[in-house]
């Protein structure tokens, strides 16, 4: 039977994280299947994007924690949906799986994780006697799933999320054989590594998985197409390099998707896109975004909001609208007319 990497998203924002996670795994030339669990709040458009990087996209029912008190202690009320992660144990078509949160990025091939047994994980930086549930090795089992659900119903989670519940269930982890403890390099927390700079300088080259722990994710930052860098606030400057790496992967996937969609439009319609400028309105800043001064300034500065109004689907919608509203004559030339103001062009 097959083995798989598994992740979970409950909304489109985390879908951007799953795109980078899936692509980063593909870039490492993994030989395992990639399985993404999604809930009803993930849009059809986002699922289509994700299907390019994930082998299987599986619908699951959302499981919410009612423990708002402990979630507030963590200052992470958005984690109430993380109990949906328990559905991973229902993937019994696989003999062994590695779960990866959608806010992690894989830098090197980590297929050797499948040599570990359940439950193998790295220590949590906040309390090392607990494991961090962002990366762990597990064996799918209907029985384990039922046991976890019963524990959640009867006892709950001490932190209100999946990590507290899983540490309660696999409570022998801190005292088990060291072989169940993954090295920190398999789950390096990006916003913590700077606190011990000498260790990072010594071992940083061996990091295989970066985890963007906390409420501020890479997709919450703005990416400048002019500088090809993420705009990170001073208090998060230590995240700059890793955030840039995340955005480079994300932008490359968006640009590839845009090229594919434009090519498909040309092929399926069998129409010429090599028109005079007077025939096809330029896709300039005013055509693509709203008229607010703030948004115009961002576009002119080369920092569009790729995860908001300026995301790929909206640009493609504008392309479709222009094509449908323009009388396009057949021609042998299928090239898209160049326009230096076109926000969909590569820099």
C-alpha atoms as a PDB file:
ATOM      1  CA  UNK A   1       0.000   0.000   0.000  1.00  0.00           C
ATOM      2  CA  UNK A   2       1.017   3.602  -0.592  1.00  0.00           C
ATOM      3  CA  UNK A   3       2.386   6.222   1.776  1.00  0.00           C
ATOM      4  CA  UNK A   4       1.424   9.891   1.715  1.00  0.00           C
ATOM      5  CA  UNK A   5       2.040  13.400   2.921  1.00  0.00           C
ATOM      6  CA  UNK A   6      -1.174  14.837   4.343  1.00  0.00           C
ATOM      7  CA  UNK A   7      -2.275  18.393   5.053  1.00  0.00           C
ATOM      8  CA  UNK A   8      -5.472  20.264   5.895  1.00  0.00           C
ATOM      9  CA  UNK A   9      -7.028  23.613   5.005  1.00  0.00           C
ATOM     10  CA  UNK A  10     -10.345  25.073   6.139  1.00  0.00           C
ATOM     11  CA  UNK A  11     -10.335  28.304   4.085  1.00  0.00           C
ATOM     12  CA  UNK A  12      -8.846  29.898   0.965  1.00  0.00           C
ATOM     13  CA  UNK A  13      -6.195  31.869   2.841  1.00  0.00           C
ATOM     14  CA  UNK A  14      -4.555  28.688   4.075  1.00  0.00           C
ATOM     15  CA  UNK A  15      -5.008  27.425   0.528  1.00  0.00           C
ATOM     16  CA  UNK A  16      -2.170  29.737  -0.482  1.00  0.00           C
ATOM     17  CA  UNK A  17      -0.037  28.017   2.132  1.00  0.00           C
ATOM     18  CA  UNK A  18      -1.031  24.621   0.746  1.00  0.00           C
ATOM     19  CA  UNK A  19       0.022  25.709  -2.752  1.00  0.00           C
ATOM     20  CA  UNK A  20       3.523  26.497  -1.503  1.00  0.00           C
ATOM     21  CA  UNK A  21       3.651  23.346   0.630  1.00  0.00           C
ATOM     22  CA  UNK A  22       2.575  21.137  -2.268  1.00  0.00           C
ATOM     23  CA  UNK A  23       4.945  22.761  -4.725  1.00  0.00           C
ATOM     24  CA  UNK A  24       7.851  22.662  -2.278  1.00  0.00           C
ATOM     25  CA  UNK A  25       7.294  18.925  -1.817  1.00  0.00           C
ATOM     26  CA  UNK A  26       7.205  18.423  -5.588  1.00  0.00           C
ATOM     27  CA  UNK A  27      10.433  20.399  -5.954  1.00  0.00           C
ATOM     28  CA  UNK A  28      12.172  17.959  -3.595  1.00  0.00           C
ATOM     29  CA  UNK A  29      11.174  15.124  -5.968  1.00  0.00           C
ATOM     30  CA  UNK A  30       9.276  13.180  -3.333  1.00  0.00           C
ATOM     31  CA  UNK A  31       8.073   9.730  -4.350  1.00  0.00           C
ATOM     32  CA  UNK A  32       5.055   9.794  -2.019  1.00  0.00           C
ATOM     33  CA  UNK A  33       1.467  10.813  -2.711  1.00  0.00           C
ATOM     34  CA  UNK A  34       0.264  14.267  -1.655  1.00  0.00           C
ATOM     35  CA  UNK A  35      -3.172  14.304  -0.005  1.00  0.00           C
ATOM     36  CA  UNK A  36      -4.978  17.493   0.979  1.00  0.00           C
ATOM     37  CA  UNK A  37      -8.061  17.458   3.215  1.00  0.00           C
ATOM     38  CA  UNK A  38     -10.431  20.391   2.635  1.00  0.00           C
ATOM     39  CA  UNK A  39     -13.670  21.612   4.213  1.00  0.00           C
ATOM     40  CA  UNK A  40     -16.707  23.265   2.616  1.00  0.00           C
ATOM     41  CA  UNK A  41     -15.282  26.773   3.100  1.00  0.00           C
ATOM     42  CA  UNK A  42     -12.583  26.142   0.483  1.00  0.00           C
ATOM     43  CA  UNK A  43     -13.804  27.567  -2.828  1.00  0.00           C
ATOM     44  CA  UNK A  44     -14.015  25.683  -6.115  1.00  0.00           C
ATOM     45  CA  UNK A  45     -11.489  28.054  -7.700  1.00  0.00           C
ATOM     46  CA  UNK A  46      -8.960  27.422  -4.948  1.00  0.00           C
ATOM     47  CA  UNK A  47      -9.462  23.657  -5.230  1.00  0.00           C
ATOM     48  CA  UNK A  48      -8.688  23.860  -8.947  1.00  0.00           C
ATOM     49  CA  UNK A  49      -5.463  25.732  -8.207  1.00  0.00           C
ATOM     50  CA  UNK A  50      -4.483  23.200  -5.568  1.00  0.00           C
ATOM     51  CA  UNK A  51      -5.139  20.208  -7.828  1.00  0.00           C
ATOM     52  CA  UNK A  52      -1.978  21.033  -9.780  1.00  0.00           C
ATOM     53  CA  UNK A  53       0.181  20.362  -6.721  1.00  0.00           C
ATOM     54  CA  UNK A  54      -1.813  17.753  -4.762  1.00  0.00           C
ATOM     55  CA  UNK A  55      -2.553  14.247  -6.010  1.00  0.00           C
ATOM     56  CA  UNK A  56      -5.760  13.855  -4.014  1.00  0.00           C
ATOM     57  CA  UNK A  57      -8.092  16.491  -2.585  1.00  0.00           C
ATOM     58  CA  UNK A  58     -10.482  14.959  -0.063  1.00  0.00           C
ATOM     59  CA  UNK A  59     -13.573  16.617   1.400  1.00  0.00           C
ATOM     60  CA  UNK A  60     -14.040  16.262   5.149  1.00  0.00           C
ATOM     61  CA  UNK A  61     -16.548  17.465   7.707  1.00  0.00           C
ATOM     62  CA  UNK A  62     -15.289  20.266   9.904  1.00  0.00           C
ATOM     63  CA  UNK A  63     -14.648  19.452  13.567  1.00  0.00           C
ATOM     64  CA  UNK A  64     -14.576  22.486  15.847  1.00  0.00           C
ATOM     65  CA  UNK A  65     -13.261  22.883  19.358  1.00  0.00           C
ATOM     66  CA  UNK A  66     -15.697  24.509  21.774  1.00  0.00           C
ATOM     67  CA  UNK A  67     -12.893  25.348  24.179  1.00  0.00           C
ATOM     68  CA  UNK A  68     -12.743  29.078  23.471  1.00  0.00           C
ATOM     69  CA  UNK A  69     -11.224  29.781  26.886  1.00  0.00           C
ATOM     70  CA  UNK A  70      -7.973  27.911  26.233  1.00  0.00           C
ATOM     71  CA  UNK A  71      -7.801  29.150  22.653  1.00  0.00           C
ATOM     72  CA  UNK A  72      -7.962  32.694  23.992  1.00  0.00           C
ATOM     73  CA  UNK A  73      -5.097  31.862  26.355  1.00  0.00           C
ATOM     74  CA  UNK A  74      -3.083  31.033  23.238  1.00  0.00           C
ATOM     75  CA  UNK A  75      -4.395  34.209  21.597  1.00  0.00           C
ATOM     76  CA  UNK A  76      -5.283  31.973  18.638  1.00  0.00           C
ATOM     77  CA  UNK A  77      -9.115  31.758  18.384  1.00  0.00           C
ATOM     78  CA  UNK A  78      -8.763  30.754  14.720  1.00  0.00           C
ATOM     79  CA  UNK A  79      -7.448  27.342  15.824  1.00  0.00           C
ATOM     80  CA  UNK A  80     -10.956  26.188  16.718  1.00  0.00           C
ATOM     81  CA  UNK A  81     -11.152  24.230  13.438  1.00  0.00           C
ATOM     82  CA  UNK A  82      -7.885  22.349  13.876  1.00  0.00           C
ATOM     83  CA  UNK A  83      -9.570  19.291  15.390  1.00  0.00           C
ATOM     84  CA  UNK A  84     -10.538  18.536  11.787  1.00  0.00           C
ATOM     85  CA  UNK A  85      -6.969  17.250  11.561  1.00  0.00           C
ATOM     86  CA  UNK A  86      -8.169  14.080  13.301  1.00  0.00           C
ATOM     87  CA  UNK A  87      -9.750  12.983  10.007  1.00  0.00           C
ATOM     88  CA  UNK A  88      -6.222  12.151   8.834  1.00  0.00           C
ATOM     89  CA  UNK A  89      -6.458   8.879  10.786  1.00  0.00           C
ATOM     90  CA  UNK A  90      -9.334   7.856   8.479  1.00  0.00           C
ATOM     91  CA  UNK A  91      -6.997   7.700   5.467  1.00  0.00           C
ATOM     92  CA  UNK A  92      -6.602   3.942   5.837  1.00  0.00           C
ATOM     93  CA  UNK A  93      -5.859   3.521   2.130  1.00  0.00           C
ATOM     94  CA  UNK A  94      -2.317   4.482   3.173  1.00  0.00           C
ATOM     95  CA  UNK A  95      -0.061   2.420   5.427  1.00  0.00           C
ATOM     96  CA  UNK A  96       1.816   5.386   6.857  1.00  0.00           C
ATOM     97  CA  UNK A  97       1.536   9.156   6.540  1.00  0.00           C
ATOM     98  CA  UNK A  98       3.397  12.317   7.435  1.00  0.00           C
ATOM     99  CA  UNK A  99       1.170  15.200   8.452  1.00  0.00           C
ATOM    100  CA  UNK A 100       2.346  18.702   7.558  1.00  0.00           C
ATOM    101  CA  UNK A 101       0.518  21.877   8.532  1.00  0.00           C
ATOM    102  CA  UNK A 102      -0.256  24.174   5.597  1.00  0.00           C
ATOM    103  CA  UNK A 103       2.007  26.866   7.067  1.00  0.00           C
ATOM    104  CA  UNK A 104       5.199  24.850   6.603  1.00  0.00           C
ATOM    105  CA  UNK A 105       7.634  24.928   3.684  1.00  0.00           C
ATOM    106  CA  UNK A 106       9.843  21.990   2.720  1.00  0.00           C
ATOM    107  CA  UNK A 107      13.415  22.861   1.718  1.00  0.00           C
ATOM    108  CA  UNK A 108      14.903  19.391   1.166  1.00  0.00           C
ATOM    109  CA  UNK A 109      13.632  15.900   0.496  1.00  0.00           C
ATOM    110  CA  UNK A 110      12.178  14.449   3.708  1.00  0.00           C
ATOM    111  CA  UNK A 111      10.990  11.056   2.475  1.00  0.00           C
ATOM    112  CA  UNK A 112      13.169   9.515   5.183  1.00  0.00           C
ATOM    113  CA  UNK A 113      10.437  10.555   7.636  1.00  0.00           C
ATOM    114  CA  UNK A 114       8.540   7.450   6.536  1.00  0.00           C
ATOM    115  CA  UNK A 115      11.196   5.365   8.253  1.00  0.00           C
ATOM    116  CA  UNK A 116       9.889   6.638  11.612  1.00  0.00           C
ATOM    117  CA  UNK A 117       6.974   5.091  13.508  1.00  0.00           C
ATOM    118  CA  UNK A 118       3.824   6.585  15.024  1.00  0.00           C
ATOM    119  CA  UNK A 119       3.874   9.004  16.781  1.00  0.00           C
ATOM    120  CA  UNK A 120       7.118  10.711  15.816  1.00  0.00           C
ATOM    121  CA  UNK A 121       7.386  14.487  16.079  1.00  0.00           C
ATOM    122  CA  UNK A 122       9.729  17.313  17.074  1.00  0.00           C
ATOM    123  CA  UNK A 123       9.557  19.036  20.488  1.00  0.00           C
ATOM    124  CA  UNK A 124       7.463  22.174  20.769  1.00  0.00           C
ATOM    125  CA  UNK A 125       9.599  25.268  21.370  1.00  0.00           C
ATOM    126  CA  UNK A 126       7.134  26.600  23.936  1.00  0.00           C
ATOM    127  CA  UNK A 127       7.134  23.433  26.082  1.00  0.00           C
ATOM    128  CA  UNK A 128       9.631  20.797  24.889  1.00  0.00           C
ATOM    129  CA  UNK A 129       7.956  17.997  26.867  1.00  0.00           C
ATOM    130  CA  UNK A 130       5.141  18.360  24.334  1.00  0.00           C
ATOM    131  CA  UNK A 131       5.556  17.674  20.639  1.00  0.00           C
ATOM    132  CA  UNK A 132       4.584  20.193  17.997  1.00  0.00           C
ATOM    133  CA  UNK A 133       1.723  18.886  15.860  1.00  0.00           C
ATOM    134  CA  UNK A 134       2.748  20.816  12.748  1.00  0.00           C
ATOM    135  CA  UNK A 135       4.873  17.891  11.542  1.00  0.00           C
ATOM    136  CA  UNK A 136       4.367  14.300  12.687  1.00  0.00           C
ATOM    137  CA  UNK A 137       4.468  10.708  11.468  1.00  0.00           C
ATOM    138  CA  UNK A 138       1.354   8.600  12.014  1.00  0.00           C
ATOM    139  CA  UNK A 139      -0.367   5.394  10.967  1.00  0.00           C
ATOM    140  CA  UNK A 140      -3.975   5.771   9.769  1.00  0.00           C
ATOM    141  CA  UNK A 141      -6.429   3.748  11.851  1.00  0.00           C
ATOM    142  CA  UNK A 142     -10.211   3.918  12.285  1.00  0.00           C
ATOM    143  CA  UNK A 143      -9.758   2.785  15.877  1.00  0.00           C
ATOM    144  CA  UNK A 144      -7.311   5.588  16.659  1.00  0.00           C
ATOM    145  CA  UNK A 145      -9.685   8.081  15.055  1.00  0.00           C
ATOM    146  CA  UNK A 146     -12.568   6.924  17.254  1.00  0.00           C
ATOM    147  CA  UNK A 147     -10.380   7.034  20.360  1.00  0.00           C
ATOM    148  CA  UNK A 148      -9.294  10.587  19.576  1.00  0.00           C
ATOM    149  CA  UNK A 149     -12.877  11.716  18.969  1.00  0.00           C
ATOM    150  CA  UNK A 150     -13.982  10.179  22.278  1.00  0.00           C
ATOM    151  CA  UNK A 151     -11.098  11.850  24.103  1.00  0.00           C
ATOM    152  CA  UNK A 152     -12.030  15.196  22.561  1.00  0.00           C
ATOM    153  CA  UNK A 153     -15.658  14.759  23.613  1.00  0.00           C
ATOM    154  CA  UNK A 154     -15.005  13.476  27.132  1.00  0.00           C
ATOM    155  CA  UNK A 155     -11.871  15.279  28.227  1.00  0.00           C
ATOM    156  CA  UNK A 156     -11.126  17.903  25.631  1.00  0.00           C
ATOM    157  CA  UNK A 157      -7.823  19.530  24.768  1.00  0.00           C
ATOM    158  CA  UNK A 158      -5.735  21.412  27.315  1.00  0.00           C
ATOM    159  CA  UNK A 159      -4.925  24.108  24.731  1.00  0.00           C
ATOM    160  CA  UNK A 160      -8.245  24.000  22.881  1.00  0.00           C
ATOM    161  CA  UNK A 161      -6.643  22.782  19.650  1.00  0.00           C
ATOM    162  CA  UNK A 162      -5.335  19.608  18.076  1.00  0.00           C
ATOM    163  CA  UNK A 163      -1.874  19.842  19.652  1.00  0.00           C
ATOM    164  CA  UNK A 164      -3.157  19.638  23.207  1.00  0.00           C
ATOM    165  CA  UNK A 165      -5.438  16.731  22.349  1.00  0.00           C
ATOM    166  CA  UNK A 166      -2.752  14.760  20.504  1.00  0.00           C
ATOM    167  CA  UNK A 167      -0.252  15.270  23.324  1.00  0.00           C
ATOM    168  CA  UNK A 168      -2.882  14.043  25.766  1.00  0.00           C
ATOM    169  CA  UNK A 169      -3.521  10.923  23.679  1.00  0.00           C
ATOM    170  CA  UNK A 170       0.146  10.165  22.944  1.00  0.00           C
ATOM    171  CA  UNK A 171       1.088  11.141  26.491  1.00  0.00           C
ATOM    172  CA  UNK A 172       4.084   8.797  26.663  1.00  0.00           C
ATOM    173  CA  UNK A 173       5.898  10.706  23.900  1.00  0.00           C
ATOM    174  CA  UNK A 174       8.296  12.683  26.182  1.00  0.00           C
ATOM    175  CA  UNK A 175       9.440   9.464  27.894  1.00  0.00           C
ATOM    176  CA  UNK A 176       9.460   7.151  24.879  1.00  0.00           C
ATOM    177  CA  UNK A 177      12.527   6.039  23.022  1.00  0.00           C
ATOM    178  CA  UNK A 178      14.425   8.922  21.439  1.00  0.00           C
ATOM    179  CA  UNK A 179      13.695   7.410  18.017  1.00  0.00           C
ATOM    180  CA  UNK A 180      10.210   8.973  18.242  1.00  0.00           C
ATOM    181  CA  UNK A 181      11.719  12.453  18.620  1.00  0.00           C
ATOM    182  CA  UNK A 182      12.314  14.159  15.289  1.00  0.00           C
ATOM    183  CA  UNK A 183      15.271  16.552  15.024  1.00  0.00           C
ATOM    184  CA  UNK A 184      14.394  20.250  15.152  1.00  0.00           C
ATOM    185  CA  UNK A 185      15.588  20.526  11.542  1.00  0.00           C
ATOM    186  CA  UNK A 186      12.403  18.689  10.487  1.00  0.00           C
ATOM    187  CA  UNK A 187      10.208  21.347  12.096  1.00  0.00           C
ATOM    188  CA  UNK A 188      12.240  24.514  12.543  1.00  0.00           C
ATOM    189  CA  UNK A 189      10.082  27.379  13.760  1.00  0.00           C
ATOM    190  CA  UNK A 190      10.985  30.367  11.594  1.00  0.00           C
ATOM    191  CA  UNK A 191      10.251  33.040  14.196  1.00  0.00           C
ATOM    192  CA  UNK A 192      12.242  31.307  16.948  1.00  0.00           C
ATOM    193  CA  UNK A 193      15.521  30.303  15.296  1.00  0.00           C
ATOM    194  CA  UNK A 194      16.948  33.819  15.573  1.00  0.00           C
ATOM    195  CA  UNK A 195      16.804  33.644  19.400  1.00  0.00           C
ATOM    196  CA  UNK A 196      19.787  31.258  19.394  1.00  0.00           C
ATOM    197  CA  UNK A 197      21.854  32.642  16.540  1.00  0.00           C
ATOM    198  CA  UNK A 198      25.014  30.566  17.144  1.00  0.00           C
ATOM    199  CA  UNK A 199      23.009  27.334  16.866  1.00  0.00           C
ATOM    200  CA  UNK A 200      21.317  28.539  13.708  1.00  0.00           C
ATOM    201  CA  UNK A 201      24.669  29.460  12.180  1.00  0.00           C
ATOM    202  CA  UNK A 202      25.960  25.995  13.084  1.00  0.00           C
ATOM    203  CA  UNK A 203      22.973  23.861  12.068  1.00  0.00           C
ATOM    204  CA  UNK A 204      20.900  26.096   9.783  1.00  0.00           C
ATOM    205  CA  UNK A 205      22.324  24.515   6.650  1.00  0.00           C
ATOM    206  CA  UNK A 206      20.675  21.225   7.681  1.00  0.00           C
ATOM    207  CA  UNK A 207      17.136  22.614   8.033  1.00  0.00           C
ATOM    208  CA  UNK A 208      14.650  20.584   5.988  1.00  0.00           C
ATOM    209  CA  UNK A 209      11.269  22.007   7.010  1.00  0.00           C
ATOM    210  CA  UNK A 210      10.464  25.589   8.035  1.00  0.00           C
ATOM    211  CA  UNK A 211       7.342  26.193  10.128  1.00  0.00           C
ATOM    212  CA  UNK A 212       5.745  29.652  10.131  1.00  0.00           C
ATOM    213  CA  UNK A 213       4.268  29.306  13.595  1.00  0.00           C
ATOM    214  CA  UNK A 214       2.026  32.050  14.985  1.00  0.00           C
ATOM    215  CA  UNK A 215      -0.844  34.178  13.756  1.00  0.00           C
ATOM    216  CA  UNK A 216       1.174  36.137  11.137  1.00  0.00           C
ATOM    217  CA  UNK A 217       1.706  33.990   8.070  1.00  0.00           C
ATOM    218  CA  UNK A 218       3.798  34.625   4.927  1.00  0.00           C
ATOM    219  CA  UNK A 219       0.661  35.329   2.891  1.00  0.00           C
ATOM    220  CA  UNK A 220      -0.210  38.152   5.313  1.00  0.00           C
ATOM    221  CA  UNK A 221       2.816  40.111   4.063  1.00  0.00           C
ATOM    222  CA  UNK A 222       2.972  42.074   0.811  1.00  0.00           C
ATOM    223  CA  UNK A 223       5.340  41.048  -1.980  1.00  0.00           C
ATOM    224  CA  UNK A 224       6.991  43.698  -4.166  1.00  0.00           C
ATOM    225  CA  UNK A 225       7.442  42.711  -7.801  1.00  0.00           C
ATOM    226  CA  UNK A 226       9.927  45.552  -8.213  1.00  0.00           C
ATOM    227  CA  UNK A 227      12.367  44.375  -5.538  1.00  0.00           C
ATOM    228  CA  UNK A 228      11.175  40.738  -5.685  1.00  0.00           C
ATOM    229  CA  UNK A 229      11.058  40.782  -1.906  1.00  0.00           C
ATOM    230  CA  UNK A 230       8.410  40.525   0.775  1.00  0.00           C
ATOM    231  CA  UNK A 231       7.673  43.701   2.723  1.00  0.00           C
ATOM    232  CA  UNK A 232       8.187  42.607   6.339  1.00  0.00           C
ATOM    233  CA  UNK A 233       7.732  44.891   9.347  1.00  0.00           C
ATOM    234  CA  UNK A 234      10.776  45.656  11.495  1.00  0.00           C
ATOM    235  CA  UNK A 235       9.537  43.561  14.420  1.00  0.00           C
ATOM    236  CA  UNK A 236       9.475  40.527  12.102  1.00  0.00           C
ATOM    237  CA  UNK A 237      12.688  41.281  10.203  1.00  0.00           C
ATOM    238  CA  UNK A 238      14.177  37.956  11.335  1.00  0.00           C
ATOM    239  CA  UNK A 239      11.573  36.230   9.140  1.00  0.00           C
ATOM    240  CA  UNK A 240      12.635  38.129   6.031  1.00  0.00           C
ATOM    241  CA  UNK A 241      14.689  35.439   4.287  1.00  0.00           C
ATOM    242  CA  UNK A 242      12.241  32.595   4.907  1.00  0.00           C
ATOM    243  CA  UNK A 243       9.252  34.764   3.976  1.00  0.00           C
ATOM    244  CA  UNK A 244      11.011  35.687   0.730  1.00  0.00           C
ATOM    245  CA  UNK A 245      11.575  32.015  -0.037  1.00  0.00           C
ATOM    246  CA  UNK A 246       7.882  31.307   0.562  1.00  0.00           C
ATOM    247  CA  UNK A 247       6.816  34.151  -1.730  1.00  0.00           C
ATOM    248  CA  UNK A 248       9.201  33.165  -4.512  1.00  0.00           C
ATOM    249  CA  UNK A 249       7.573  29.727  -4.615  1.00  0.00           C
ATOM    250  CA  UNK A 250       4.077  31.221  -4.464  1.00  0.00           C
ATOM    251  CA  UNK A 251       4.697  33.838  -7.169  1.00  0.00           C
ATOM    252  CA  UNK A 252       6.287  31.291  -9.501  1.00  0.00           C
ATOM    253  CA  UNK A 253       3.196  29.091  -9.185  1.00  0.00           C
ATOM    254  CA  UNK A 254       0.858  32.045  -9.842  1.00  0.00           C
ATOM    255  CA  UNK A 255       2.827  33.169 -12.898  1.00  0.00           C
ATOM    256  CA  UNK A 256       2.846  29.620 -14.260  1.00  0.00           C
ATOM    257  CA  UNK A 257      -0.932  29.321 -13.771  1.00  0.00           C
ATOM    258  CA  UNK A 258      -1.512  32.649 -15.488  1.00  0.00           C
ATOM    259  CA  UNK A 259       0.574  31.626 -18.514  1.00  0.00           C
ATOM    260  CA  UNK A 260      -1.343  28.352 -18.742  1.00  0.00           C
ATOM    261  CA  UNK A 261      -4.727  30.071 -18.564  1.00  0.00           C
ATOM    262  CA  UNK A 262      -3.800  32.655 -21.208  1.00  0.00           C
ATOM    263  CA  UNK A 263      -2.513  29.853 -23.457  1.00  0.00           C
ATOM    264  CA  UNK A 264      -5.734  27.888 -22.947  1.00  0.00           C
ATOM    265  CA  UNK A 265      -7.840  30.925 -23.821  1.00  0.00           C
ATOM    266  CA  UNK A 266      -5.909  31.328 -27.072  1.00  0.00           C
ATOM    267  CA  UNK A 267      -6.105  27.628 -27.982  1.00  0.00           C
ATOM    268  CA  UNK A 268      -9.747  26.934 -27.159  1.00  0.00           C
ATOM    269  CA  UNK A 269     -11.075  30.070 -28.822  1.00  0.00           C
ATOM    270  CA  UNK A 270      -8.788  29.799 -31.901  1.00  0.00           C
ATOM    271  CA  UNK A 271      -8.744  33.581 -31.943  1.00  0.00           C
ATOM    272  CA  UNK A 272      -5.946  36.032 -32.514  1.00  0.00           C
ATOM    273  CA  UNK A 273      -4.661  38.020 -29.577  1.00  0.00           C
ATOM    274  CA  UNK A 274      -2.251  40.016 -31.756  1.00  0.00           C
ATOM    275  CA  UNK A 275      -4.410  43.107 -32.067  1.00  0.00           C
ATOM    276  CA  UNK A 276      -3.645  46.756 -32.456  1.00  0.00           C
ATOM    277  CA  UNK A 277      -3.621  48.709 -29.220  1.00  0.00           C
ATOM    278  CA  UNK A 278      -6.750  50.539 -30.370  1.00  0.00           C
ATOM    279  CA  UNK A 279      -8.658  47.258 -30.672  1.00  0.00           C
ATOM    280  CA  UNK A 280      -7.854  45.828 -27.238  1.00  0.00           C
ATOM    281  CA  UNK A 281      -7.964  48.076 -24.155  1.00  0.00           C
ATOM    282  CA  UNK A 282      -4.685  47.923 -22.219  1.00  0.00           C
ATOM    283  CA  UNK A 283      -4.807  46.009 -18.940  1.00  0.00           C
ATOM    284  CA  UNK A 284      -3.288  48.851 -16.980  1.00  0.00           C
ATOM    285  CA  UNK A 285      -3.594  49.692 -13.298  1.00  0.00           C
ATOM    286  CA  UNK A 286      -6.932  51.415 -13.734  1.00  0.00           C
ATOM    287  CA  UNK A 287      -8.376  48.422 -15.618  1.00  0.00           C
ATOM    288  CA  UNK A 288      -7.416  45.868 -12.991  1.00  0.00           C
ATOM    289  CA  UNK A 289      -7.880  47.380  -9.555  1.00  0.00           C
ATOM    290  CA  UNK A 290     -10.253  49.788  -7.914  1.00  0.00           C
ATOM    291  CA  UNK A 291      -9.747  53.568  -7.970  1.00  0.00           C
ATOM    292  CA  UNK A 292      -8.566  54.065  -4.404  1.00  0.00           C
ATOM    293  CA  UNK A 293      -5.355  56.061  -4.081  1.00  0.00           C
ATOM    294  CA  UNK A 294      -3.873  53.508  -1.722  1.00  0.00           C
ATOM    295  CA  UNK A 295      -4.312  50.575  -4.076  1.00  0.00           C
ATOM    296  CA  UNK A 296      -3.041  52.573  -7.069  1.00  0.00           C
ATOM    297  CA  UNK A 297       0.069  53.574  -5.183  1.00  0.00           C
ATOM    298  CA  UNK A 298       0.735  49.940  -4.296  1.00  0.00           C
ATOM    299  CA  UNK A 299       0.401  48.872  -7.922  1.00  0.00           C
ATOM    300  CA  UNK A 300       2.691  51.649  -9.107  1.00  0.00           C
ATOM    301  CA  UNK A 301       5.199  50.612  -6.442  1.00  0.00           C
ATOM    302  CA  UNK A 302       5.065  47.047  -7.725  1.00  0.00           C
ATOM    303  CA  UNK A 303       3.449  45.558  -4.605  1.00  0.00           C
ATOM    304  CA  UNK A 304      -0.014  44.318  -5.631  1.00  0.00           C
ATOM    305  CA  UNK A 305      -2.064  42.342  -3.122  1.00  0.00           C
ATOM    306  CA  UNK A 306      -1.616  38.848  -4.601  1.00  0.00           C
ATOM    307  CA  UNK A 307      -3.731  37.196  -1.901  1.00  0.00           C
ATOM    308  CA  UNK A 308      -6.557  39.760  -2.022  1.00  0.00           C
ATOM    309  CA  UNK A 309      -8.234  41.733  -4.786  1.00  0.00           C
ATOM    310  CA  UNK A 310      -5.221  41.418  -7.071  1.00  0.00           C
ATOM    311  CA  UNK A 311      -5.019  37.651  -6.839  1.00  0.00           C
ATOM    312  CA  UNK A 312      -4.765  35.386  -9.860  1.00  0.00           C
ATOM    313  CA  UNK A 313      -8.508  34.650 -10.216  1.00  0.00           C
ATOM    314  CA  UNK A 314      -9.393  38.358 -10.362  1.00  0.00           C
ATOM    315  CA  UNK A 315      -6.742  39.104 -12.986  1.00  0.00           C
ATOM    316  CA  UNK A 316      -8.010  36.189 -15.075  1.00  0.00           C
ATOM    317  CA  UNK A 317     -11.597  37.434 -14.706  1.00  0.00           C
ATOM    318  CA  UNK A 318     -10.517  40.770 -16.128  1.00  0.00           C
ATOM    319  CA  UNK A 319      -8.763  39.011 -19.022  1.00  0.00           C
ATOM    320  CA  UNK A 320     -11.935  37.055 -19.784  1.00  0.00           C
ATOM    321  CA  UNK A 321     -14.112  40.176 -19.579  1.00  0.00           C
ATOM    322  CA  UNK A 322     -11.856  42.034 -22.024  1.00  0.00           C
ATOM    323  CA  UNK A 323     -11.799  39.131 -24.485  1.00  0.00           C
ATOM    324  CA  UNK A 324     -15.579  38.704 -24.394  1.00  0.00           C
ATOM    325  CA  UNK A 325     -16.236  42.419 -24.869  1.00  0.00           C
ATOM    326  CA  UNK A 326     -13.809  42.817 -27.804  1.00  0.00           C
ATOM    327  CA  UNK A 327     -14.453  41.844 -31.435  1.00  0.00           C
ATOM    328  CA  UNK A 328     -11.446  39.583 -32.045  1.00  0.00           C
ATOM    329  CA  UNK A 329     -10.660  38.589 -35.635  1.00  0.00           C
ATOM    330  CA  UNK A 330      -8.956  35.294 -36.562  1.00  0.00           C
ATOM    331  CA  UNK A 331      -5.236  35.419 -37.331  1.00  0.00           C
ATOM    332  CA  UNK A 332      -2.218  33.140 -37.561  1.00  0.00           C
ATOM    333  CA  UNK A 333      -0.457  34.954 -34.711  1.00  0.00           C
ATOM    334  CA  UNK A 334      -1.500  33.856 -31.236  1.00  0.00           C
ATOM    335  CA  UNK A 335       0.809  36.111 -29.250  1.00  0.00           C
ATOM    336  CA  UNK A 336      -0.579  38.288 -26.486  1.00  0.00           C
ATOM    337  CA  UNK A 337       0.165  41.995 -27.252  1.00  0.00           C
ATOM    338  CA  UNK A 338       2.807  43.396 -24.955  1.00  0.00           C
ATOM    339  CA  UNK A 339       1.857  46.184 -22.577  1.00  0.00           C
ATOM    340  CA  UNK A 340       4.337  47.529 -20.093  1.00  0.00           C
ATOM    341  CA  UNK A 341       1.491  48.440 -17.756  1.00  0.00           C
ATOM    342  CA  UNK A 342      -0.007  44.947 -17.852  1.00  0.00           C
ATOM    343  CA  UNK A 343       0.092  43.673 -14.249  1.00  0.00           C
ATOM    344  CA  UNK A 344      -0.028  40.082 -15.454  1.00  0.00           C
ATOM    345  CA  UNK A 345       3.295  40.301 -17.289  1.00  0.00           C
ATOM    346  CA  UNK A 346       6.518  38.996 -15.782  1.00  0.00           C
ATOM    347  CA  UNK A 347       9.135  41.366 -14.409  1.00  0.00           C
END
